[in-house]
Amino acid sequence: MTGAFGPKKFYGRIVLLVNEHTVSASKMIAAFAAENKLATIVGTETAGRLPGGK
């Protein structure tokens, strides 16, 4: 829902930009969005580590 002009459904497209500096929560959000086909992921390969990972 959007809030600018009252509650309305959002039918736009979402694009997430990532690069080698994308880590932690932003990496998890990008992975979730990609797995569930909620957004298009654009950019270079991410660092590939999650918190607690090596």
C-alpha atoms as a PDB file:
ATOM      1  CA  MET A   1       0.000   0.000   0.000  1.00  0.00           C
ATOM      2  CA  THR A   2       1.144   3.528  -0.675  1.00  0.00           C
ATOM      3  CA  GLY A   3       0.493   6.363   1.727  1.00  0.00           C
ATOM      4  CA  ALA A   4       0.855   9.528  -0.347  1.00  0.00           C
ATOM      5  CA  PHE A   5      -2.775   9.753  -1.466  1.00  0.00           C
ATOM      6  CA  GLY A   6      -4.374   7.354   0.986  1.00  0.00           C
ATOM      7  CA  PRO A   7      -4.097   3.576   0.973  1.00  0.00           C
ATOM      8  CA  LYS A   8      -3.705   2.219  -2.566  1.00  0.00           C
ATOM      9  CA  LYS A   9      -2.166  -1.009  -3.832  1.00  0.00           C
ATOM     10  CA  PHE A  10       1.316  -0.726  -5.298  1.00  0.00           C
ATOM     11  CA  TYR A  11       1.652  -2.126  -8.833  1.00  0.00           C
ATOM     12  CA  GLY A  12       5.068  -0.721  -9.699  1.00  0.00           C
ATOM     13  CA  ARG A  13       8.325  -2.578 -10.208  1.00  0.00           C
ATOM     14  CA  ILE A  14      11.070  -2.860  -7.614  1.00  0.00           C
ATOM     15  CA  VAL A  15      14.763  -2.925  -8.500  1.00  0.00           C
ATOM     16  CA  LEU A  16      17.463  -3.500  -5.868  1.00  0.00           C
ATOM     17  CA  LEU A  17      21.003  -2.343  -6.585  1.00  0.00           C
ATOM     18  CA  VAL A  18      23.825  -4.469  -5.128  1.00  0.00           C
ATOM     19  CA  ASN A  19      27.619  -4.596  -5.374  1.00  0.00           C
ATOM     20  CA  GLU A  20      30.642  -6.116  -3.621  1.00  0.00           C
ATOM     21  CA  HIS A  21      29.952  -3.908  -0.576  1.00  0.00           C
ATOM     22  CA  THR A  22      26.428  -5.303  -0.072  1.00  0.00           C
ATOM     23  CA  VAL A  23      26.549  -7.357   3.148  1.00  0.00           C
ATOM     24  CA  SER A  24      24.535  -8.209   6.250  1.00  0.00           C
ATOM     25  CA  ALA A  25      20.837  -7.273   6.309  1.00  0.00           C
ATOM     26  CA  SER A  26      20.873  -5.744   2.813  1.00  0.00           C
ATOM     27  CA  LYS A  27      22.212  -9.027   1.408  1.00  0.00           C
ATOM     28  CA  MET A  28      19.440 -10.963   3.177  1.00  0.00           C
ATOM     29  CA  ILE A  29      16.774  -8.594   1.821  1.00  0.00           C
ATOM     30  CA  ALA A  30      18.138  -8.918  -1.716  1.00  0.00           C
ATOM     31  CA  ALA A  31      18.223 -12.726  -1.413  1.00  0.00           C
ATOM     32  CA  PHE A  32      14.651 -12.838  -0.070  1.00  0.00           C
ATOM     33  CA  ALA A  33      13.391 -10.539  -2.824  1.00  0.00           C
ATOM     34  CA  ALA A  34      15.123 -12.602  -5.522  1.00  0.00           C
ATOM     35  CA  GLU A  35      13.938 -15.973  -4.184  1.00  0.00           C
ATOM     36  CA  ASN A  36      10.333 -14.781  -3.969  1.00  0.00           C
ATOM     37  CA  LYS A  37      10.423 -12.892  -7.289  1.00  0.00           C
ATOM     38  CA  LEU A  38       9.558  -9.610  -5.572  1.00  0.00           C
ATOM     39  CA  ALA A  39      12.272  -7.513  -7.214  1.00  0.00           C
ATOM     40  CA  THR A  40      14.865  -7.434  -9.949  1.00  0.00           C
ATOM     41  CA  ILE A  41      18.425  -7.508  -8.591  1.00  0.00           C
ATOM     42  CA  VAL A  42      20.898  -5.358 -10.545  1.00  0.00           C
ATOM     43  CA  GLY A  43      24.635  -4.899 -10.036  1.00  0.00           C
ATOM     44  CA  THR A  44      27.791  -6.835  -9.410  1.00  0.00           C
ATOM     45  CA  GLU A  45      28.246  -9.950  -7.320  1.00  0.00           C
ATOM     46  CA  THR A  46      27.950  -9.373  -3.577  1.00  0.00           C
ATOM     47  CA  ALA A  47      30.569 -10.216  -0.962  1.00  0.00           C
ATOM     48  CA  GLY A  48      28.800 -13.510  -0.242  1.00  0.00           C
ATOM     49  CA  ARG A  49      29.136 -13.413   3.535  1.00  0.00           C
ATOM     50  CA  LEU A  50      26.433 -13.179   6.145  1.00  0.00           C
ATOM     51  CA  PRO A  51      26.819 -12.157   9.782  1.00  0.00           C
ATOM     52  CA  GLY A  52      28.629 -14.919  11.642  1.00  0.00           C
ATOM     53  CA  GLY A  53      30.020 -16.317   8.379  1.00  0.00           C
ATOM     54  CA  LYS A  54      33.642 -16.424   7.325  1.00  0.00           C
END
